[in-house]
C-alpha atoms as a PDB file:
ATOM      1  CA  MET A   1     -70.465  45.886 -44.124  1.00  0.00           C
ATOM      2  CA  LYS A   2     -69.299  49.298 -43.869  1.00  0.00           C
ATOM      3  CA  PRO A   3     -68.753  51.610 -46.455  1.00  0.00           C
ATOM      4  CA  GLY A   4     -65.537  51.393 -48.007  1.00  0.00           C
ATOM      5  CA  SER A   5     -65.033  47.880 -46.163  1.00  0.00           C
ATOM      6  CA  THR A   6     -63.419  45.011 -48.234  1.00  0.00           C
ATOM      7  CA  GLY A   7     -65.333  42.645 -46.035  1.00  0.00           C
ATOM      8  CA  ARG A   8     -61.844  40.836 -45.562  1.00  0.00           C
ATOM      9  CA  LYS A   9     -60.945  39.676 -42.367  1.00  0.00           C
ATOM     10  CA  SER A  10     -57.449  41.025 -41.558  1.00  0.00           C
ATOM     11  CA  PRO A  11     -54.875  37.928 -41.029  1.00  0.00           C
ATOM     12  CA  PHE A  12     -53.875  39.400 -37.722  1.00  0.00           C
ATOM     13  CA  ASP A  13     -57.252  39.591 -36.133  1.00  0.00           C
ATOM     14  CA  VAL A  14     -56.934  37.281 -33.367  1.00  0.00           C
ATOM     15  CA  GLY A  15     -59.258  38.969 -31.145  1.00  0.00           C
ATOM     16  CA  PRO A  16     -59.022  41.519 -28.092  1.00  0.00           C
ATOM     17  CA  SER A  17     -56.031  39.907 -26.821  1.00  0.00           C
ATOM     18  CA  LEU A  18     -53.066  37.935 -27.801  1.00  0.00           C
ATOM     19  CA  PRO A  19     -53.711  34.031 -27.506  1.00  0.00           C
ATOM     20  CA  THR A  20     -52.148  32.186 -24.880  1.00  0.00           C
ATOM     21  CA  LEU A  21     -49.814  29.590 -25.962  1.00  0.00           C
ATOM     22  CA  GLN A  22     -48.323  27.081 -23.555  1.00  0.00           C
ATOM     23  CA  GLY A  23     -45.100  24.827 -23.646  1.00  0.00           C
ATOM     24  CA  GLN A  24     -43.659  22.482 -20.918  1.00  0.00           C
ATOM     25  CA  ARG A  25     -42.254  24.925 -18.627  1.00  0.00           C
ATOM     26  CA  VAL A  26     -43.246  28.420 -19.927  1.00  0.00           C
ATOM     27  CA  LYS A  27     -46.378  30.029 -21.694  1.00  0.00           C
ATOM     28  CA  ILE A  28     -46.366  33.196 -23.581  1.00  0.00           C
ATOM     29  CA  ARG A  29     -49.746  35.254 -22.728  1.00  0.00           C
ATOM     30  CA  TRP A  30     -51.326  38.750 -22.863  1.00  0.00           C
ATOM     31  CA  LEU A  31     -49.281  41.392 -20.402  1.00  0.00           C
ATOM     32  CA  LYS A  32     -51.530  42.465 -17.926  1.00  0.00           C
ATOM     33  CA  ASP A  33     -51.342  45.307 -15.176  1.00  0.00           C
ATOM     34  CA  ALA A  34     -50.312  42.894 -12.620  1.00  0.00           C
ATOM     35  CA  ASP A  35     -47.242  42.434 -14.741  1.00  0.00           C
ATOM     36  CA  LEU A  36     -45.863  46.104 -14.433  1.00  0.00           C
ATOM     37  CA  PRO A  37     -43.323  45.441 -11.741  1.00  0.00           C
ATOM     38  CA  ALA A  38     -42.003  42.468 -13.776  1.00  0.00           C
ATOM     39  CA  LEU A  39     -41.628  44.499 -16.745  1.00  0.00           C
ATOM     40  CA  PHE A  40     -39.754  47.171 -14.910  1.00  0.00           C
ATOM     41  CA  LYS A  41     -37.249  44.608 -13.703  1.00  0.00           C
ATOM     42  CA  ILE A  42     -36.868  43.344 -17.244  1.00  0.00           C
ATOM     43  CA  PHE A  43     -36.143  46.451 -19.213  1.00  0.00           C
ATOM     44  CA  SER A  44     -34.550  48.705 -16.323  1.00  0.00           C
ATOM     45  CA  ASN A  45     -31.790  45.933 -16.322  1.00  0.00           C
ATOM     46  CA  SER A  46     -29.032  47.614 -18.262  1.00  0.00           C
ATOM     47  CA  GLU A  47     -27.890  44.068 -19.083  1.00  0.00           C
ATOM     48  CA  VAL A  48     -31.012  42.802 -20.677  1.00  0.00           C
ATOM     49  CA  THR A  49     -30.946  46.413 -22.625  1.00  0.00           C
ATOM     50  CA  ARG A  50     -27.370  46.574 -23.404  1.00  0.00           C
ATOM     51  CA  TYR A  51     -28.092  45.855 -27.063  1.00  0.00           C
ATOM     52  CA  TRP A  52     -31.416  47.421 -27.738  1.00  0.00           C
ATOM     53  CA  SER A  53     -32.407  50.253 -29.709  1.00  0.00           C
ATOM     54  CA  SER A  54     -33.583  52.020 -26.719  1.00  0.00           C
ATOM     55  CA  PRO A  55     -32.539  52.621 -22.994  1.00  0.00           C
ATOM     56  CA  PRO A  56     -33.012  50.883 -19.692  1.00  0.00           C
ATOM     57  CA  LEU A  57     -36.510  52.059 -18.253  1.00  0.00           C
ATOM     58  CA  GLN A  58     -35.641  54.702 -15.461  1.00  0.00           C
ATOM     59  CA  GLN A  59     -38.783  54.650 -13.431  1.00  0.00           C
ATOM     60  CA  ARG A  60     -41.726  52.824 -12.680  1.00  0.00           C
ATOM     61  CA  ASP A  61     -44.022  54.885 -14.701  1.00  0.00           C
ATOM     62  CA  ASP A  62     -41.923  53.992 -17.895  1.00  0.00           C
ATOM     63  CA  ALA A  63     -42.990  50.613 -17.549  1.00  0.00           C
ATOM     64  CA  GLU A  64     -46.596  51.974 -17.535  1.00  0.00           C
ATOM     65  CA  GLN A  65     -45.761  53.615 -20.794  1.00  0.00           C
ATOM     66  CA  LEU A  66     -44.272  50.772 -22.116  1.00  0.00           C
ATOM     67  CA  LEU A  67     -47.226  48.490 -21.325  1.00  0.00           C
ATOM     68  CA  GLY A  68     -49.528  51.147 -23.029  1.00  0.00           C
ATOM     69  CA  ASP A  69     -47.225  51.432 -26.312  1.00  0.00           C
ATOM     70  CA  ILE A  70     -47.654  47.636 -26.240  1.00  0.00           C
ATOM     71  CA  ARG A  71     -51.548  47.682 -26.414  1.00  0.00           C
ATOM     72  CA  SER A  72     -51.632  50.547 -28.575  1.00  0.00           C
ATOM     73  CA  LEU A  73     -49.658  48.684 -31.032  1.00  0.00           C
ATOM     74  CA  PHE A  74     -51.636  45.692 -30.791  1.00  0.00           C
ATOM     75  CA  ARG A  75     -54.687  47.341 -31.351  1.00  0.00           C
ATOM     76  CA  SER A  76     -53.113  48.718 -34.770  1.00  0.00           C
ATOM     77  CA  ARG A  77     -52.037  45.225 -35.553  1.00  0.00           C
ATOM     78  CA  THR A  78     -48.733  46.363 -36.183  1.00  0.00           C
ATOM     79  CA  LEU A  79     -46.947  44.572 -32.927  1.00  0.00           C
ATOM     80  CA  PHE A  80     -47.635  41.801 -30.740  1.00  0.00           C
ATOM     81  CA  GLN A  81     -45.895  41.172 -27.743  1.00  0.00           C
ATOM     82  CA  TRP A  82     -46.429  38.365 -25.238  1.00  0.00           C
ATOM     83  CA  GLY A  83     -45.176  37.909 -21.679  1.00  0.00           C
ATOM     84  CA  VAL A  84     -43.099  34.900 -21.327  1.00  0.00           C
ATOM     85  CA  ALA A  85     -44.292  33.273 -18.025  1.00  0.00           C
ATOM     86  CA  ARG A  86     -43.371  30.380 -15.922  1.00  0.00           C
ATOM     87  CA  LEU A  87     -45.799  27.577 -15.761  1.00  0.00           C
ATOM     88  CA  GLU A  88     -45.399  27.092 -12.112  1.00  0.00           C
ATOM     89  CA  ASP A  89     -46.650  30.474 -10.831  1.00  0.00           C
ATOM     90  CA  ASP A  90     -47.579  32.572 -14.066  1.00  0.00           C
ATOM     91  CA  ALA A  91     -44.641  35.351 -13.117  1.00  0.00           C
ATOM     92  CA  VAL A  92     -43.658  36.902 -16.111  1.00  0.00           C
ATOM     93  CA  ILE A  93     -39.864  36.726 -16.878  1.00  0.00           C
ATOM     94  CA  GLY A  94     -39.437  38.119 -20.273  1.00  0.00           C
ATOM     95  CA  THR A  95     -41.422  38.973 -23.740  1.00  0.00           C
ATOM     96  CA  CYS A  96     -41.047  37.807 -27.218  1.00  0.00           C
ATOM     97  CA  THR A  97     -42.391  39.801 -29.921  1.00  0.00           C
ATOM     98  CA  LEU A  98     -43.272  39.848 -33.613  1.00  0.00           C
ATOM     99  CA  ALA A  99     -43.074  43.874 -34.646  1.00  0.00           C
ATOM    100  CA  ARG A 100     -43.687  45.530 -38.014  1.00  0.00           C
ATOM    101  CA  LEU A 101     -46.261  43.066 -38.807  1.00  0.00           C
ATOM    102  CA  ASP A 102     -46.806  43.300 -42.607  1.00  0.00           C
ATOM    103  CA  ALA A 103     -49.934  41.742 -43.801  1.00  0.00           C
ATOM    104  CA  GLN A 104     -49.433  42.331 -47.265  1.00  0.00           C
ATOM    105  CA  HIS A 105     -46.046  40.995 -47.654  1.00  0.00           C
ATOM    106  CA  ARG A 106     -46.774  38.681 -44.600  1.00  0.00           C
ATOM    107  CA  VAL A 107     -43.731  39.478 -42.710  1.00  0.00           C
ATOM    108  CA  ALA A 108     -42.747  40.403 -39.007  1.00  0.00           C
ATOM    109  CA  GLU A 109     -39.540  41.268 -37.239  1.00  0.00           C
ATOM    110  CA  VAL A 110     -38.775  39.380 -34.111  1.00  0.00           C
ATOM    111  CA  GLY A 111     -37.670  40.635 -30.828  1.00  0.00           C
ATOM    112  CA  PHE A 112     -37.297  39.060 -27.334  1.00  0.00           C
ATOM    113  CA  ALA A 113     -35.992  39.861 -23.928  1.00  0.00           C
ATOM    114  CA  LEU A 114     -35.525  37.595 -20.812  1.00  0.00           C
ATOM    115  CA  ALA A 115     -34.830  38.770 -17.062  1.00  0.00           C
ATOM    116  CA  ARG A 116     -31.327  38.640 -16.037  1.00  0.00           C
ATOM    117  CA  ASP A 117     -31.604  36.278 -13.496  1.00  0.00           C
ATOM    118  CA  CYS A 118     -33.363  33.657 -16.102  1.00  0.00           C
ATOM    119  CA  TRP A 119     -30.579  33.632 -18.596  1.00  0.00           C
ATOM    120  CA  GLY A 120     -29.184  30.345 -19.727  1.00  0.00           C
ATOM    121  CA  ARG A 121     -32.315  27.964 -18.732  1.00  0.00           C
ATOM    122  CA  GLY A 122     -33.707  27.419 -22.112  1.00  0.00           C
ATOM    123  CA  SER A 123     -36.743  29.490 -21.308  1.00  0.00           C
ATOM    124  CA  MET A 124     -36.496  31.923 -24.315  1.00  0.00           C
ATOM    125  CA  LYS A 125     -35.975  28.851 -26.742  1.00  0.00           C
ATOM    126  CA  GLU A 126     -39.279  27.481 -25.495  1.00  0.00           C
ATOM    127  CA  ALA A 127     -41.009  30.646 -25.915  1.00  0.00           C
ATOM    128  CA  LEU A 128     -39.375  31.542 -29.173  1.00  0.00           C
ATOM    129  CA  THR A 129     -40.701  28.154 -30.496  1.00  0.00           C
ATOM    130  CA  LEU A 130     -44.251  28.807 -29.435  1.00  0.00           C
ATOM    131  CA  MET A 131     -44.168  32.011 -31.069  1.00  0.00           C
ATOM    132  CA  ILE A 132     -42.665  31.032 -34.227  1.00  0.00           C
ATOM    133  CA  ASP A 133     -44.967  28.380 -34.728  1.00  0.00           C
ATOM    134  CA  PHE A 134     -48.004  30.635 -34.176  1.00  0.00           C
ATOM    135  CA  ALA A 135     -46.200  33.097 -36.489  1.00  0.00           C
ATOM    136  CA  PHE A 136     -46.078  30.765 -39.504  1.00  0.00           C
ATOM    137  CA  SER A 137     -49.269  28.744 -38.841  1.00  0.00           C
ATOM    138  CA  GLY A 138     -51.426  30.879 -37.194  1.00  0.00           C
ATOM    139  CA  LEU A 139     -50.688  34.041 -38.800  1.00  0.00           C
ATOM    140  CA  GLY A 140     -49.839  32.775 -42.131  1.00  0.00           C
ATOM    141  CA  LEU A 141     -46.553  34.703 -42.209  1.00  0.00           C
ATOM    142  CA  ARG A 142     -43.915  33.374 -44.687  1.00  0.00           C
ATOM    143  CA  ARG A 143     -40.624  35.465 -43.585  1.00  0.00           C
ATOM    144  CA  LEU A 144     -39.370  36.361 -40.154  1.00  0.00           C
ATOM    145  CA  GLU A 145     -36.441  39.118 -39.694  1.00  0.00           C
ATOM    146  CA  ALA A 146     -34.143  39.959 -37.083  1.00  0.00           C
ATOM    147  CA  ASP A 147     -31.294  42.745 -36.346  1.00  0.00           C
ATOM    148  CA  VAL A 148     -28.914  41.654 -33.776  1.00  0.00           C
ATOM    149  CA  ASP A 149     -25.650  43.599 -32.417  1.00  0.00           C
ATOM    150  CA  PRO A 150     -23.136  41.535 -33.749  1.00  0.00           C
ATOM    151  CA  ARG A 151     -21.756  41.180 -29.996  1.00  0.00           C
ATOM    152  CA  ASN A 152     -24.655  39.723 -28.997  1.00  0.00           C
ATOM    153  CA  THR A 153     -23.600  36.234 -29.487  1.00  0.00           C
ATOM    154  CA  ALA A 154     -26.066  34.461 -27.059  1.00  0.00           C
ATOM    155  CA  SER A 155     -29.110  36.052 -29.604  1.00  0.00           C
ATOM    156  CA  LEU A 156     -27.440  35.415 -32.563  1.00  0.00           C
ATOM    157  CA  ARG A 157     -26.778  31.456 -31.562  1.00  0.00           C
ATOM    158  CA  LEU A 158     -30.483  31.137 -30.415  1.00  0.00           C
ATOM    159  CA  LEU A 159     -31.708  32.758 -33.687  1.00  0.00           C
ATOM    160  CA  GLU A 160     -29.145  30.418 -35.853  1.00  0.00           C
ATOM    161  CA  ARG A 161     -30.341  27.444 -33.882  1.00  0.00           C
ATOM    162  CA  PHE A 162     -34.075  28.122 -35.089  1.00  0.00           C
ATOM    163  CA  GLY A 163     -32.645  28.356 -38.718  1.00  0.00           C
ATOM    164  CA  PHE A 164     -32.328  31.798 -39.168  1.00  0.00           C
ATOM    165  CA  LYS A 165     -29.692  32.729 -41.563  1.00  0.00           C
ATOM    166  CA  GLN A 166     -27.333  36.044 -41.861  1.00  0.00           C
ATOM    167  CA  GLU A 167     -28.608  38.344 -45.117  1.00  0.00           C
ATOM    168  CA  GLY A 168     -26.384  41.256 -44.290  1.00  0.00           C
ATOM    169  CA  LEU A 169     -24.508  43.934 -41.847  1.00  0.00           C
ATOM    170  CA  LEU A 170     -25.886  47.431 -41.080  1.00  0.00           C
ATOM    171  CA  ARG A 171     -23.001  49.331 -39.891  1.00  0.00           C
ATOM    172  CA  GLU A 172     -23.227  51.985 -37.120  1.00  0.00           C
ATOM    173  CA  ARG A 173     -27.360  51.192 -37.472  1.00  0.00           C
ATOM    174  CA  TYR A 174     -27.944  52.701 -33.803  1.00  0.00           C
ATOM    175  CA  CYS A 175     -26.433  54.947 -31.453  1.00  0.00           C
ATOM    176  CA  MET A 176     -26.917  54.090 -27.652  1.00  0.00           C
ATOM    177  CA  ASN A 177     -25.498  55.932 -25.083  1.00  0.00           C
ATOM    178  CA  ARG A 178     -23.102  57.435 -27.425  1.00  0.00           C
ATOM    179  CA  GLU A 179     -21.730  54.375 -28.756  1.00  0.00           C
ATOM    180  CA  LEU A 180     -22.539  53.261 -32.098  1.00  0.00           C
ATOM    181  CA  GLN A 181     -23.774  49.593 -32.911  1.00  0.00           C
ATOM    182  CA  ASP A 182     -23.855  47.544 -35.972  1.00  0.00           C
ATOM    183  CA  ALA A 183     -26.832  45.241 -36.442  1.00  0.00           C
ATOM    184  CA  VAL A 184     -26.459  41.766 -38.238  1.00  0.00           C
ATOM    185  CA  LEU A 185     -29.812  41.122 -40.374  1.00  0.00           C
ATOM    186  CA  LEU A 186     -31.142  37.365 -40.095  1.00  0.00           C
ATOM    187  CA  ALA A 187     -34.211  35.763 -41.841  1.00  0.00           C
ATOM    188  CA  LEU A 188     -36.223  32.747 -41.533  1.00  0.00           C
ATOM    189  CA  LEU A 189     -38.696  31.552 -44.058  1.00  0.00           C
ATOM    190  CA  ARG A 190     -41.501  29.407 -43.564  1.00  0.00           C
ATOM    191  CA  ARG A 191     -40.567  26.577 -45.548  1.00  0.00           C
ATOM    192  CA  GLU A 192     -37.309  26.540 -43.501  1.00  0.00           C
ATOM    193  CA  TRP A 193     -38.702  26.521 -40.152  1.00  0.00           C
ATOM    194  CA  VAL A 194     -38.277  22.969 -38.593  1.00  0.00           C
ATOM    195  CA  ARG A 195     -39.763  23.109 -35.129  1.00  0.00           C
ATOM    196  CA  SER A 196     -36.643  22.326 -32.575  1.00  0.00           C
END
């Protein structure tokens, strides 16, 4: 045992990469260098990033920086961001994320993004089901949180279908492209989770 070590394993020690979790039509998996064009396509689209707290990617190098940040934050065990990939061809069509992982309080924040041409097909519902199951059973989290622009009705509806409950409103929480944006706070407790 190293000096200063407690000998306890971190609850977020999942190995050198995120596990692959498979559904009926999609899987969530570790993001690879080969996924950079897909990441750029997803996060450079202004409709996809309309309610994000960061602007759309402007150039392909931005996707490399994004992937580097995802990997760095994974190593520190503060962010787990999976690629959402179709089973048929393993193509990444989105991402789903557990951010601000907190081992002491067993809490994380949920985030997700889906390529514009894949909206309305149920892919994210399936991906989030896999991730939420893993968050509660695999990681032992007890609470998941989300903050969503109140105009983002599709994301609010999806989270509410999972049982997330609104807990508050942060007025003028973000300022993106010179526009002030509010944020609805939602949360789901492990004891409330019913796999849909």
